[in-house]
């Protein structure tokens, strides 16, 4: 794994969850500036709990900031002969569109085959020319589920997957995709726990599902 910006460990944060500006990489600085890095007790889409959460849409609703950050990835892949940039719904399709625009290539979107299912496919008449070199992009990597589903959909197409790029690798390199390089803008070692061993649950801290009200207790 080659990280474009330096690795970040949230446990390096000082009192109040702050670090000196000189210690922050450009992506982390921007996420903090727009309020995308949040602290609390969060239920992640993966089902894991965490005391920190990156609200990707606080970035994605800011087109100029998103375009600026993706410029680093565009520079990284400009000479890689990319033909298509593919991303999974929802955040991944916004990133795929903008990165493809910067690279001057086509974009493709991996959508759910059915509501509630895990299989993805490329709908709405999307086709790939034989031998197309595809770059996969997603927003926040935690367990890698959405990326694996996208790779599985691409495995049914006559394409070559060049790499997987993500804005933030929350796994700090623990999640990998065999045979496909992972290129994160930044790698962050953020603690995440299953509910049965979550220290915040044990302490009685209410859990919140980002984008909603408090999640019901199971």
N, C-alpha and C. Protein backbone atom coordinates (compact mmCIF):
# COMPACT_ATOMS: atom_id res chain seq x y z
N UNK A 1 0.84 -1.19 0.00
CA UNK A 1 0.00 0.00 0.00
C UNK A 1 0.87 1.24 0.00
N UNK A 2 0.60 2.16 -0.90
CA UNK A 2 1.31 3.43 -0.97
C UNK A 2 0.35 4.53 -0.59
N UNK A 3 0.61 5.21 0.51
CA UNK A 3 -0.27 6.28 0.97
C UNK A 3 0.25 7.61 0.45
N UNK A 4 -0.63 8.42 -0.16
CA UNK A 4 -0.22 9.68 -0.75
C UNK A 4 0.14 10.69 0.33
N UNK A 5 -0.64 10.71 1.43
CA UNK A 5 -0.30 11.55 2.55
C UNK A 5 0.19 10.67 3.69
N UNK A 6 0.78 11.26 4.72
CA UNK A 6 1.34 10.49 5.81
C UNK A 6 0.25 9.82 6.63
N UNK A 7 0.62 8.74 7.32
CA UNK A 7 -0.33 8.02 8.15
C UNK A 7 -0.69 8.83 9.38
N UNK A 8 -1.91 8.64 9.86
CA UNK A 8 -2.40 9.36 11.04
C UNK A 8 -2.94 8.36 12.04
N UNK A 9 -2.53 8.47 13.27
CA UNK A 9 -3.08 7.64 14.34
C UNK A 9 -3.84 8.56 15.28
N UNK A 10 -5.13 8.36 15.41
CA UNK A 10 -5.92 9.26 16.23
C UNK A 10 -5.50 9.22 17.69
N UNK A 11 -4.86 8.13 18.11
CA UNK A 11 -4.42 8.07 19.49
C UNK A 11 -3.25 9.03 19.74
N UNK A 12 -2.72 9.63 18.66
CA UNK A 12 -1.69 10.63 18.82
C UNK A 12 -2.27 11.99 19.17
N UNK A 13 -3.60 12.09 19.13
CA UNK A 13 -4.24 13.35 19.43
C UNK A 13 -3.99 13.75 20.88
N UNK A 14 -3.87 15.05 21.09
CA UNK A 14 -3.66 15.55 22.44
C UNK A 14 -4.96 15.75 23.16
N UNK A 15 -4.92 16.42 24.30
CA UNK A 15 -6.12 16.68 25.07
C UNK A 15 -7.07 17.51 24.22
N UNK A 16 -8.38 17.15 24.34
CA UNK A 16 -9.37 17.85 23.55
C UNK A 16 -9.43 17.38 22.11
N UNK A 17 -8.65 16.32 21.79
CA UNK A 17 -8.71 15.76 20.45
C UNK A 17 -8.04 16.62 19.40
N UNK A 18 -7.12 17.49 19.80
CA UNK A 18 -6.50 18.39 18.85
C UNK A 18 -5.01 18.08 18.68
N UNK A 19 -4.50 18.38 17.50
CA UNK A 19 -3.08 18.24 17.24
C UNK A 19 -2.58 19.57 16.71
N UNK A 20 -1.30 19.83 16.88
CA UNK A 20 -0.73 21.05 16.32
C UNK A 20 -0.87 21.02 14.81
N UNK A 21 -1.12 22.20 14.23
CA UNK A 21 -1.34 22.28 12.79
C UNK A 21 -0.17 21.70 12.02
N UNK A 22 1.05 21.82 12.56
CA UNK A 22 2.23 21.32 11.87
C UNK A 22 2.23 19.80 11.76
N UNK A 23 1.40 19.12 12.59
CA UNK A 23 1.36 17.66 12.57
C UNK A 23 0.31 17.12 11.62
N UNK A 24 -0.52 17.98 11.07
CA UNK A 24 -1.64 17.54 10.25
C UNK A 24 -1.23 17.46 8.78
N UNK A 25 -1.71 16.40 8.09
CA UNK A 25 -1.49 16.34 6.67
C UNK A 25 -2.61 17.13 5.97
N UNK A 26 -2.48 17.45 4.68
CA UNK A 26 -3.46 18.31 4.02
C UNK A 26 -4.89 17.79 4.05
N UNK A 27 -5.09 16.47 3.87
CA UNK A 27 -6.44 15.94 3.89
C UNK A 27 -7.04 16.04 5.27
N UNK A 28 -6.27 15.69 6.29
CA UNK A 28 -6.78 15.79 7.66
C UNK A 28 -7.14 17.23 8.00
N UNK A 29 -6.31 18.16 7.59
CA UNK A 29 -6.60 19.57 7.83
C UNK A 29 -7.93 19.98 7.23
N UNK A 30 -8.15 19.56 5.98
CA UNK A 30 -9.39 19.93 5.31
C UNK A 30 -10.61 19.29 5.97
N UNK A 31 -10.49 18.02 6.37
CA UNK A 31 -11.60 17.34 7.03
C UNK A 31 -11.96 18.02 8.34
N UNK A 32 -10.94 18.47 9.08
CA UNK A 32 -11.19 19.17 10.34
C UNK A 32 -11.82 20.53 10.07
N UNK A 33 -11.32 21.24 9.08
CA UNK A 33 -11.83 22.58 8.77
C UNK A 33 -13.32 22.56 8.44
N UNK A 34 -13.76 21.55 7.72
CA UNK A 34 -15.16 21.50 7.30
C UNK A 34 -16.03 20.70 8.27
N UNK A 35 -15.45 20.24 9.39
CA UNK A 35 -16.22 19.53 10.40
C UNK A 35 -16.52 18.08 10.07
N UNK A 36 -15.75 17.50 9.17
CA UNK A 36 -16.00 16.12 8.77
C UNK A 36 -15.46 15.09 9.75
N UNK A 37 -14.47 15.46 10.57
CA UNK A 37 -13.97 14.58 11.62
C UNK A 37 -14.76 14.84 12.89
N UNK A 38 -15.46 13.83 13.37
CA UNK A 38 -16.35 14.00 14.52
C UNK A 38 -15.97 13.02 15.63
N UNK A 39 -16.24 13.40 16.87
CA UNK A 39 -15.99 12.54 18.02
C UNK A 39 -17.29 12.21 18.73
N UNK A 40 -17.39 11.01 19.28
CA UNK A 40 -18.60 10.57 19.97
C UNK A 40 -18.64 9.06 20.03
N UNK A 41 -19.83 8.48 19.87
CA UNK A 41 -20.02 7.03 19.86
C UNK A 41 -20.89 6.72 18.65
N UNK A 42 -20.26 6.13 17.63
CA UNK A 42 -20.91 6.01 16.34
C UNK A 42 -21.08 4.57 15.91
N UNK A 43 -22.22 4.29 15.27
CA UNK A 43 -22.47 3.00 14.62
C UNK A 43 -22.12 3.16 13.16
N UNK A 44 -21.08 2.45 12.72
CA UNK A 44 -20.62 2.55 11.34
C UNK A 44 -21.46 1.66 10.43
N UNK A 45 -21.39 1.93 9.13
CA UNK A 45 -22.14 1.13 8.16
C UNK A 45 -21.73 -0.33 8.21
N UNK A 46 -20.51 -0.60 8.64
CA UNK A 46 -20.00 -1.97 8.75
C UNK A 46 -20.61 -2.74 9.91
N UNK A 47 -21.30 -2.01 10.82
CA UNK A 47 -21.83 -2.62 12.04
C UNK A 47 -20.91 -2.45 13.23
N UNK A 48 -19.68 -2.01 12.99
CA UNK A 48 -18.74 -1.75 14.08
C UNK A 48 -19.05 -0.42 14.75
N UNK A 49 -18.55 -0.26 15.97
CA UNK A 49 -18.69 1.00 16.70
C UNK A 49 -17.34 1.71 16.73
N UNK A 50 -17.37 3.03 16.79
CA UNK A 50 -16.13 3.81 16.85
C UNK A 50 -16.37 5.07 17.66
N UNK A 51 -15.27 5.62 18.20
CA UNK A 51 -15.39 6.88 18.93
C UNK A 51 -15.08 8.08 18.03
N UNK A 52 -14.77 7.80 16.77
CA UNK A 52 -14.55 8.86 15.80
C UNK A 52 -15.18 8.48 14.48
N UNK A 53 -15.66 9.49 13.79
CA UNK A 53 -16.38 9.23 12.55
C UNK A 53 -16.01 10.30 11.53
N UNK A 54 -15.82 9.87 10.32
CA UNK A 54 -15.56 10.79 9.22
C UNK A 54 -16.83 10.91 8.39
N UNK A 55 -17.48 12.06 8.44
CA UNK A 55 -18.69 12.28 7.66
C UNK A 55 -18.28 12.70 6.25
N UNK A 56 -18.27 11.71 5.36
CA UNK A 56 -17.76 11.96 4.01
C UNK A 56 -18.55 13.02 3.27
N UNK A 57 -19.84 13.12 3.56
CA UNK A 57 -20.64 14.07 2.81
C UNK A 57 -20.37 15.52 3.21
N UNK A 58 -19.74 15.74 4.35
CA UNK A 58 -19.28 17.08 4.66
C UNK A 58 -18.18 17.51 3.71
N UNK A 59 -17.49 16.54 3.14
CA UNK A 59 -16.52 16.82 2.08
C UNK A 59 -17.20 16.82 0.72
N UNK A 60 -17.98 15.78 0.43
CA UNK A 60 -18.53 15.60 -0.91
C UNK A 60 -19.54 16.68 -1.30
N UNK A 61 -20.15 17.34 -0.31
CA UNK A 61 -21.06 18.43 -0.67
C UNK A 61 -20.30 19.72 -0.97
N UNK A 62 -18.98 19.67 -0.86
CA UNK A 62 -18.13 20.81 -1.17
C UNK A 62 -17.35 20.48 -2.45
N UNK A 63 -17.89 20.84 -3.62
CA UNK A 63 -17.26 20.43 -4.89
C UNK A 63 -15.82 20.91 -5.05
N UNK A 64 -15.54 22.15 -4.64
CA UNK A 64 -14.18 22.66 -4.84
C UNK A 64 -13.17 21.91 -3.98
N UNK A 65 -13.54 21.59 -2.74
CA UNK A 65 -12.63 20.85 -1.86
C UNK A 65 -12.44 19.43 -2.36
N UNK A 66 -13.53 18.80 -2.81
CA UNK A 66 -13.43 17.44 -3.34
C UNK A 66 -12.55 17.41 -4.59
N UNK A 67 -12.75 18.37 -5.47
CA UNK A 67 -11.95 18.44 -6.69
C UNK A 67 -10.47 18.63 -6.37
N UNK A 68 -10.20 19.49 -5.39
CA UNK A 68 -8.81 19.75 -5.00
C UNK A 68 -8.13 18.50 -4.48
N UNK A 69 -8.81 17.78 -3.58
CA UNK A 69 -8.21 16.59 -3.00
C UNK A 69 -8.01 15.49 -4.04
N UNK A 70 -8.98 15.35 -4.95
CA UNK A 70 -8.84 14.32 -5.98
C UNK A 70 -7.75 14.67 -6.98
N UNK A 71 -7.33 15.93 -7.00
CA UNK A 71 -6.23 16.30 -7.88
C UNK A 71 -4.97 15.52 -7.59
N UNK A 72 -4.75 15.17 -6.32
CA UNK A 72 -3.58 14.37 -5.96
C UNK A 72 -3.65 12.98 -6.58
N UNK A 73 -4.86 12.39 -6.57
CA UNK A 73 -5.02 11.07 -7.19
C UNK A 73 -4.91 11.16 -8.70
N UNK A 74 -5.45 12.23 -9.27
CA UNK A 74 -5.35 12.40 -10.72
C UNK A 74 -3.89 12.47 -11.15
N UNK A 75 -3.08 13.20 -10.38
CA UNK A 75 -1.65 13.30 -10.69
C UNK A 75 -0.98 11.94 -10.57
N UNK A 76 -1.39 11.18 -9.55
CA UNK A 76 -0.79 9.86 -9.31
C UNK A 76 -1.06 8.91 -10.47
N UNK A 77 -2.26 9.00 -11.09
CA UNK A 77 -2.64 8.02 -12.11
C UNK A 77 -2.65 8.57 -13.53
N UNK A 78 -2.17 9.78 -13.72
CA UNK A 78 -2.26 10.39 -15.04
C UNK A 78 -1.49 9.61 -16.11
N UNK A 79 -0.42 8.97 -15.73
CA UNK A 79 0.39 8.23 -16.70
C UNK A 79 0.13 6.72 -16.66
N UNK A 80 -0.97 6.31 -16.03
CA UNK A 80 -1.26 4.88 -15.89
C UNK A 80 -2.21 4.35 -16.97
N UNK A 81 -2.51 5.18 -17.97
CA UNK A 81 -3.37 4.77 -19.08
C UNK A 81 -4.73 4.25 -18.60
N UNK A 82 -5.33 4.98 -17.67
CA UNK A 82 -6.65 4.62 -17.17
C UNK A 82 -7.70 4.88 -18.24
N UNK A 83 -8.61 3.93 -18.44
CA UNK A 83 -9.71 4.09 -19.40
C UNK A 83 -11.03 4.43 -18.72
N UNK A 84 -11.24 3.88 -17.52
CA UNK A 84 -12.50 4.07 -16.81
C UNK A 84 -12.21 4.19 -15.31
N UNK A 85 -12.91 5.09 -14.65
CA UNK A 85 -12.88 5.17 -13.18
C UNK A 85 -14.23 4.68 -12.68
N UNK A 86 -14.23 3.66 -11.83
CA UNK A 86 -15.47 3.05 -11.34
C UNK A 86 -15.57 3.22 -9.83
N UNK A 87 -16.79 3.47 -9.36
CA UNK A 87 -17.01 3.61 -7.92
C UNK A 87 -18.36 3.06 -7.52
N UNK A 88 -18.48 2.60 -6.26
CA UNK A 88 -19.75 2.08 -5.76
C UNK A 88 -20.64 3.21 -5.24
N UNK A 89 -21.94 2.98 -5.29
CA UNK A 89 -22.86 3.93 -4.68
C UNK A 89 -22.62 3.97 -3.18
N UNK A 90 -22.76 5.14 -2.49
CA UNK A 90 -23.19 6.39 -3.09
C UNK A 90 -22.00 7.32 -3.29
N UNK A 91 -21.18 7.46 -2.25
CA UNK A 91 -20.07 8.39 -2.33
C UNK A 91 -19.10 8.08 -3.44
N UNK A 92 -18.91 6.79 -3.73
CA UNK A 92 -17.96 6.39 -4.75
C UNK A 92 -18.31 6.88 -6.14
N UNK A 93 -19.62 7.06 -6.42
CA UNK A 93 -19.97 7.51 -7.77
C UNK A 93 -19.66 8.99 -7.94
N UNK A 94 -19.77 9.78 -6.87
CA UNK A 94 -19.40 11.20 -6.96
C UNK A 94 -17.90 11.33 -7.19
N UNK A 95 -17.12 10.51 -6.47
CA UNK A 95 -15.68 10.54 -6.62
C UNK A 95 -15.26 10.02 -8.00
N UNK A 96 -15.92 8.96 -8.47
CA UNK A 96 -15.59 8.40 -9.78
C UNK A 96 -15.85 9.42 -10.87
N UNK A 97 -16.95 10.14 -10.77
CA UNK A 97 -17.26 11.15 -11.77
C UNK A 97 -16.19 12.23 -11.82
N UNK A 98 -15.83 12.78 -10.64
CA UNK A 98 -14.88 13.89 -10.61
C UNK A 98 -13.47 13.44 -10.99
N UNK A 99 -13.05 12.27 -10.51
CA UNK A 99 -11.71 11.80 -10.87
C UNK A 99 -11.63 11.48 -12.36
N UNK A 100 -12.69 10.88 -12.90
CA UNK A 100 -12.72 10.61 -14.34
C UNK A 100 -12.68 11.91 -15.13
N UNK A 101 -13.38 12.93 -14.65
CA UNK A 101 -13.35 14.23 -15.32
C UNK A 101 -11.93 14.78 -15.37
N UNK A 102 -11.23 14.69 -14.23
CA UNK A 102 -9.87 15.22 -14.19
C UNK A 102 -8.91 14.42 -15.06
N UNK A 103 -9.16 13.12 -15.20
CA UNK A 103 -8.30 12.27 -16.02
C UNK A 103 -8.71 12.28 -17.49
N UNK A 104 -9.90 12.83 -17.77
CA UNK A 104 -10.38 12.87 -19.15
C UNK A 104 -10.83 11.53 -19.67
N UNK A 105 -11.41 10.70 -18.77
CA UNK A 105 -11.85 9.35 -19.17
C UNK A 105 -13.31 9.16 -18.76
N UNK A 106 -13.84 7.97 -19.03
CA UNK A 106 -15.22 7.65 -18.67
C UNK A 106 -15.31 7.24 -17.20
N UNK A 107 -16.52 7.32 -16.65
CA UNK A 107 -16.78 6.82 -15.30
C UNK A 107 -17.86 5.75 -15.35
N UNK A 108 -17.89 4.90 -14.33
CA UNK A 108 -18.89 3.83 -14.25
C UNK A 108 -19.27 3.65 -12.79
N UNK A 109 -20.51 3.21 -12.56
CA UNK A 109 -21.04 3.18 -11.21
C UNK A 109 -21.56 1.78 -10.86
N UNK A 110 -21.02 1.22 -9.77
CA UNK A 110 -21.42 -0.11 -9.32
C UNK A 110 -22.60 0.03 -8.37
N UNK A 111 -23.78 -0.40 -8.81
CA UNK A 111 -25.00 -0.27 -8.02
C UNK A 111 -25.44 -1.62 -7.48
N UNK A 112 -26.27 -1.57 -6.43
CA UNK A 112 -26.83 -2.81 -5.88
C UNK A 112 -27.73 -3.49 -6.91
N UNK A 113 -27.62 -4.80 -6.98
CA UNK A 113 -28.51 -5.56 -7.84
C UNK A 113 -29.93 -5.48 -7.30
N UNK A 114 -30.06 -5.55 -5.97
CA UNK A 114 -31.37 -5.45 -5.33
C UNK A 114 -31.21 -4.79 -3.98
N UNK A 115 -32.28 -4.15 -3.51
CA UNK A 115 -32.25 -3.51 -2.20
C UNK A 115 -31.97 -4.54 -1.12
N UNK A 116 -31.02 -4.23 -0.25
CA UNK A 116 -30.70 -5.12 0.85
C UNK A 116 -29.70 -6.20 0.50
N UNK A 117 -29.38 -6.34 -0.79
CA UNK A 117 -28.42 -7.36 -1.20
C UNK A 117 -27.01 -6.82 -1.18
N UNK A 118 -26.04 -7.70 -1.34
CA UNK A 118 -24.64 -7.30 -1.33
C UNK A 118 -24.01 -7.34 -2.72
N UNK A 119 -24.72 -7.90 -3.70
CA UNK A 119 -24.17 -8.00 -5.05
C UNK A 119 -24.33 -6.67 -5.78
N UNK A 120 -23.31 -6.30 -6.53
CA UNK A 120 -23.34 -5.08 -7.34
C UNK A 120 -23.19 -5.40 -8.81
N UNK A 121 -23.68 -4.47 -9.64
CA UNK A 121 -23.54 -4.62 -11.08
C UNK A 121 -23.49 -3.23 -11.70
N UNK A 122 -23.17 -3.18 -12.97
CA UNK A 122 -23.12 -1.92 -13.71
C UNK A 122 -24.37 -1.84 -14.58
N UNK A 123 -25.27 -0.94 -14.22
CA UNK A 123 -26.59 -0.85 -14.86
C UNK A 123 -26.62 0.27 -15.89
N UNK A 124 -27.83 0.55 -16.38
CA UNK A 124 -28.15 1.71 -17.22
C UNK A 124 -27.32 1.74 -18.50
N UNK A 125 -27.12 0.54 -19.06
CA UNK A 125 -26.45 0.46 -20.35
C UNK A 125 -24.94 0.59 -20.30
N UNK A 126 -24.35 0.52 -19.09
CA UNK A 126 -22.89 0.64 -18.98
C UNK A 126 -22.21 -0.57 -19.60
N UNK A 127 -21.25 -0.31 -20.48
CA UNK A 127 -20.45 -1.38 -21.08
C UNK A 127 -18.97 -1.02 -20.99
N UNK A 128 -18.13 -2.02 -21.05
CA UNK A 128 -16.68 -1.83 -20.99
C UNK A 128 -16.05 -2.43 -22.24
N UNK A 129 -15.19 -1.67 -22.88
CA UNK A 129 -14.45 -2.21 -24.01
C UNK A 129 -13.46 -3.26 -23.51
N UNK A 130 -13.26 -4.30 -24.28
CA UNK A 130 -12.33 -5.35 -23.87
C UNK A 130 -10.94 -4.77 -23.63
N UNK A 131 -10.36 -5.16 -22.51
CA UNK A 131 -9.03 -4.70 -22.15
C UNK A 131 -8.98 -3.35 -21.46
N UNK A 132 -10.13 -2.78 -21.15
CA UNK A 132 -10.15 -1.47 -20.47
C UNK A 132 -9.41 -1.54 -19.14
N UNK A 133 -8.62 -0.51 -18.89
CA UNK A 133 -7.90 -0.39 -17.62
C UNK A 133 -8.76 0.45 -16.67
N UNK A 134 -9.17 -0.18 -15.57
CA UNK A 134 -10.14 0.43 -14.67
C UNK A 134 -9.49 0.78 -13.33
N UNK A 135 -9.74 1.99 -12.89
CA UNK A 135 -9.35 2.43 -11.55
C UNK A 135 -10.61 2.48 -10.69
N UNK A 136 -10.60 1.79 -9.56
CA UNK A 136 -11.73 1.79 -8.63
C UNK A 136 -11.47 2.84 -7.56
N UNK A 137 -12.50 3.61 -7.22
CA UNK A 137 -12.36 4.59 -6.15
C UNK A 137 -13.55 4.52 -5.22
N UNK A 138 -13.28 4.71 -3.91
CA UNK A 138 -14.33 4.79 -2.90
C UNK A 138 -13.92 5.84 -1.88
N UNK A 139 -14.82 6.13 -0.96
CA UNK A 139 -14.56 7.21 0.00
C UNK A 139 -13.82 6.73 1.23
N UNK A 140 -14.54 6.08 2.17
CA UNK A 140 -13.94 5.66 3.43
C UNK A 140 -13.81 4.14 3.46
N UNK A 141 -12.61 3.64 3.65
CA UNK A 141 -12.38 2.19 3.72
C UNK A 141 -12.32 1.75 5.18
N UNK A 142 -13.27 0.91 5.57
CA UNK A 142 -13.28 0.36 6.93
C UNK A 142 -13.08 -1.16 6.88
N UNK A 143 -14.04 -1.86 6.29
CA UNK A 143 -13.90 -3.31 6.12
C UNK A 143 -13.64 -3.69 4.67
N UNK A 144 -13.91 -2.78 3.74
CA UNK A 144 -13.66 -3.05 2.33
C UNK A 144 -14.80 -3.72 1.61
N UNK A 145 -15.97 -3.81 2.25
CA UNK A 145 -17.09 -4.52 1.65
C UNK A 145 -17.53 -3.95 0.31
N UNK A 146 -17.74 -2.65 0.23
CA UNK A 146 -18.21 -2.02 -1.01
C UNK A 146 -17.20 -2.19 -2.13
N UNK A 147 -15.91 -2.07 -1.79
CA UNK A 147 -14.88 -2.23 -2.81
C UNK A 147 -14.84 -3.67 -3.30
N UNK A 148 -14.94 -4.64 -2.40
CA UNK A 148 -14.93 -6.04 -2.82
C UNK A 148 -16.12 -6.34 -3.74
N UNK A 149 -17.27 -5.78 -3.41
CA UNK A 149 -18.45 -5.98 -4.25
C UNK A 149 -18.24 -5.37 -5.63
N UNK A 150 -17.57 -4.22 -5.67
CA UNK A 150 -17.28 -3.57 -6.95
C UNK A 150 -16.29 -4.40 -7.75
N UNK A 151 -15.27 -4.91 -7.08
CA UNK A 151 -14.29 -5.76 -7.76
C UNK A 151 -14.94 -7.04 -8.30
N UNK A 152 -15.89 -7.58 -7.53
CA UNK A 152 -16.60 -8.78 -7.99
C UNK A 152 -17.41 -8.48 -9.25
N UNK A 153 -18.02 -7.30 -9.30
CA UNK A 153 -18.78 -6.90 -10.49
C UNK A 153 -17.84 -6.71 -11.68
N UNK A 154 -16.67 -6.15 -11.43
CA UNK A 154 -15.71 -5.94 -12.52
C UNK A 154 -15.11 -7.25 -13.01
N UNK A 155 -15.05 -8.26 -12.14
CA UNK A 155 -14.51 -9.56 -12.53
C UNK A 155 -15.35 -10.21 -13.62
N UNK A 156 -16.58 -9.76 -13.78
CA UNK A 156 -17.47 -10.29 -14.83
C UNK A 156 -17.33 -9.52 -16.13
N UNK A 157 -16.47 -8.50 -16.12
CA UNK A 157 -16.27 -7.67 -17.30
C UNK A 157 -14.89 -7.93 -17.90
N UNK A 158 -14.70 -7.64 -19.18
CA UNK A 158 -13.40 -7.90 -19.84
C UNK A 158 -12.39 -6.77 -19.60
N UNK A 159 -12.10 -6.54 -18.32
CA UNK A 159 -11.29 -5.38 -17.96
C UNK A 159 -10.10 -5.80 -17.09
N UNK A 160 -9.17 -4.86 -16.94
CA UNK A 160 -8.04 -5.00 -16.02
C UNK A 160 -8.18 -3.94 -14.94
N UNK A 161 -8.22 -4.36 -13.69
CA UNK A 161 -8.30 -3.42 -12.58
C UNK A 161 -6.88 -2.99 -12.22
N UNK A 162 -6.60 -1.71 -12.36
CA UNK A 162 -5.26 -1.19 -12.14
C UNK A 162 -4.96 -1.00 -10.66
N UNK A 163 -5.93 -0.46 -9.93
CA UNK A 163 -5.73 -0.17 -8.50
C UNK A 163 -7.06 0.19 -7.87
N UNK A 164 -7.06 0.19 -6.55
CA UNK A 164 -8.16 0.73 -5.76
C UNK A 164 -7.65 1.97 -5.04
N UNK A 165 -8.35 3.08 -5.20
CA UNK A 165 -8.00 4.32 -4.50
C UNK A 165 -9.12 4.67 -3.54
N UNK A 166 -8.77 5.17 -2.37
CA UNK A 166 -9.76 5.62 -1.39
C UNK A 166 -9.31 6.96 -0.81
N UNK A 167 -10.28 7.75 -0.36
CA UNK A 167 -9.92 9.00 0.31
C UNK A 167 -9.24 8.71 1.64
N UNK A 168 -9.88 7.87 2.45
CA UNK A 168 -9.37 7.57 3.78
C UNK A 168 -9.40 6.07 4.03
N UNK A 169 -8.27 5.52 4.41
CA UNK A 169 -8.19 4.12 4.82
C UNK A 169 -8.23 4.07 6.34
N UNK A 170 -9.41 3.79 6.88
CA UNK A 170 -9.58 3.72 8.34
C UNK A 170 -8.89 2.50 8.93
N UNK A 171 -8.57 1.53 8.10
CA UNK A 171 -7.96 0.30 8.62
C UNK A 171 -6.46 0.42 8.79
N UNK A 172 -5.90 1.55 8.35
CA UNK A 172 -4.44 1.77 8.44
C UNK A 172 -3.66 0.64 7.79
N UNK A 173 -4.15 0.16 6.65
CA UNK A 173 -3.43 -0.86 5.90
C UNK A 173 -3.81 -2.29 6.20
N UNK A 174 -4.70 -2.50 7.18
CA UNK A 174 -5.09 -3.87 7.53
C UNK A 174 -5.94 -4.52 6.44
N UNK A 175 -6.78 -3.73 5.76
CA UNK A 175 -7.62 -4.26 4.69
C UNK A 175 -6.85 -4.19 3.38
N UNK A 176 -6.78 -5.31 2.68
CA UNK A 176 -6.09 -5.38 1.40
C UNK A 176 -6.96 -6.11 0.39
N UNK A 177 -6.63 -5.94 -0.87
CA UNK A 177 -7.36 -6.59 -1.96
C UNK A 177 -6.33 -7.36 -2.79
N UNK A 178 -6.25 -8.68 -2.60
CA UNK A 178 -5.20 -9.48 -3.23
C UNK A 178 -5.09 -9.23 -4.73
N UNK A 179 -3.88 -8.92 -5.15
CA UNK A 179 -3.62 -8.72 -6.57
C UNK A 179 -3.93 -7.32 -7.07
N UNK A 180 -4.50 -6.47 -6.21
CA UNK A 180 -4.86 -5.11 -6.62
C UNK A 180 -4.25 -4.12 -5.64
N UNK A 181 -3.40 -3.21 -6.09
CA UNK A 181 -2.80 -2.24 -5.18
C UNK A 181 -3.85 -1.32 -4.56
N UNK A 182 -3.64 -0.97 -3.29
CA UNK A 182 -4.52 -0.02 -2.60
C UNK A 182 -3.77 1.30 -2.45
N UNK A 183 -4.38 2.38 -2.93
CA UNK A 183 -3.77 3.71 -2.88
C UNK A 183 -4.70 4.64 -2.11
N UNK A 184 -4.48 4.84 -0.81
CA UNK A 184 -5.30 5.80 -0.07
C UNK A 184 -4.68 7.19 -0.10
N UNK A 185 -5.54 8.22 -0.07
CA UNK A 185 -5.01 9.56 0.11
C UNK A 185 -4.37 9.69 1.48
N UNK A 186 -5.03 9.12 2.49
CA UNK A 186 -4.47 9.13 3.83
C UNK A 186 -4.89 7.86 4.55
N UNK A 187 -4.02 7.34 5.39
CA UNK A 187 -4.30 6.14 6.17
C UNK A 187 -4.43 6.54 7.64
N UNK A 188 -5.56 6.21 8.25
CA UNK A 188 -5.83 6.58 9.63
C UNK A 188 -6.09 5.34 10.47
N UNK A 189 -5.42 5.25 11.60
CA UNK A 189 -5.64 4.14 12.52
C UNK A 189 -6.69 4.57 13.54
N UNK A 190 -7.96 4.35 13.20
CA UNK A 190 -9.08 4.74 14.05
C UNK A 190 -9.67 3.50 14.70
N UNK A 191 -9.79 3.50 16.01
CA UNK A 191 -10.32 2.34 16.71
C UNK A 191 -11.76 2.05 16.29
N UNK A 192 -12.07 0.77 16.14
CA UNK A 192 -13.44 0.32 15.87
C UNK A 192 -13.63 -1.02 16.55
N UNK A 193 -14.82 -1.23 17.12
CA UNK A 193 -15.08 -2.43 17.90
C UNK A 193 -16.42 -3.04 17.49
N UNK A 194 -16.55 -4.36 17.65
CA UNK A 194 -17.86 -4.99 17.53
C UNK A 194 -18.66 -4.59 18.77
N UNK A 195 -19.98 -4.53 18.67
CA UNK A 195 -20.79 -4.04 19.79
C UNK A 195 -20.56 -4.79 21.10
N UNK A 196 -20.26 -6.09 21.03
CA UNK A 196 -20.13 -6.87 22.27
C UNK A 196 -18.86 -6.55 23.05
N UNK A 197 -17.89 -5.88 22.41
CA UNK A 197 -16.67 -5.52 23.13
C UNK A 197 -16.42 -4.01 23.10
N UNK A 198 -17.42 -3.25 22.72
CA UNK A 198 -17.28 -1.80 22.61
C UNK A 198 -17.19 -1.16 24.00
N UNK A 199 -16.10 -0.46 24.32
CA UNK A 199 -15.97 0.15 25.64
C UNK A 199 -16.97 1.28 25.87
N UNK A 200 -17.42 1.93 24.81
CA UNK A 200 -18.39 3.01 24.95
C UNK A 200 -19.76 2.44 25.29
N UNK A 201 -20.09 1.29 24.71
CA UNK A 201 -21.34 0.60 25.09
C UNK A 201 -21.27 0.20 26.56
N UNK A 202 -20.13 -0.34 26.98
CA UNK A 202 -19.96 -0.77 28.37
C UNK A 202 -20.09 0.40 29.34
N UNK A 203 -19.69 1.60 28.86
CA UNK A 203 -19.76 2.79 29.70
C UNK A 203 -21.13 3.46 29.64
N UNK A 204 -22.02 2.90 28.83
CA UNK A 204 -23.37 3.45 28.75
C UNK A 204 -23.50 4.70 27.90
N UNK A 205 -22.51 4.96 27.03
CA UNK A 205 -22.58 6.14 26.16
C UNK A 205 -23.55 5.84 25.02
N UNK A 206 -24.57 6.68 24.80
CA UNK A 206 -25.53 6.42 23.72
C UNK A 206 -24.84 6.34 22.36
N UNK A 207 -25.28 5.40 21.55
CA UNK A 207 -24.69 5.22 20.23
C UNK A 207 -25.54 5.96 19.20
N UNK A 208 -24.90 6.59 18.27
CA UNK A 208 -25.57 7.35 17.23
C UNK A 208 -25.18 6.79 15.87
N UNK A 209 -26.18 6.58 15.03
CA UNK A 209 -25.93 6.20 13.65
C UNK A 209 -25.81 7.49 12.86
N UNK A 210 -24.65 7.80 12.32
CA UNK A 210 -24.47 9.08 11.62
C UNK A 210 -25.54 9.29 10.56
N UNK A 211 -26.05 10.51 10.54
CA UNK A 211 -27.10 10.84 9.58
C UNK A 211 -28.48 10.53 10.09
N UNK A 212 -28.57 10.09 11.37
CA UNK A 212 -29.86 9.75 11.95
C UNK A 212 -29.85 10.10 13.43
N UNK A 213 -30.92 9.76 14.10
CA UNK A 213 -30.97 9.91 15.54
C UNK A 213 -30.32 8.72 16.20
N UNK A 214 -30.32 8.67 17.52
CA UNK A 214 -29.66 7.58 18.23
C UNK A 214 -30.19 6.24 17.76
N UNK A 215 -29.33 5.29 17.58
CA UNK A 215 -29.72 3.96 17.14
C UNK A 215 -30.37 3.20 18.29
N UNK A 216 -31.41 2.39 18.00
CA UNK A 216 -32.04 1.62 19.06
C UNK A 216 -31.11 0.57 19.61
N UNK A 217 -31.24 0.26 20.90
CA UNK A 217 -30.40 -0.75 21.50
C UNK A 217 -30.82 -2.12 21.02
N UNK A 218 -29.84 -3.00 20.81
CA UNK A 218 -30.14 -4.36 20.35
C UNK A 218 -30.21 -5.31 21.53
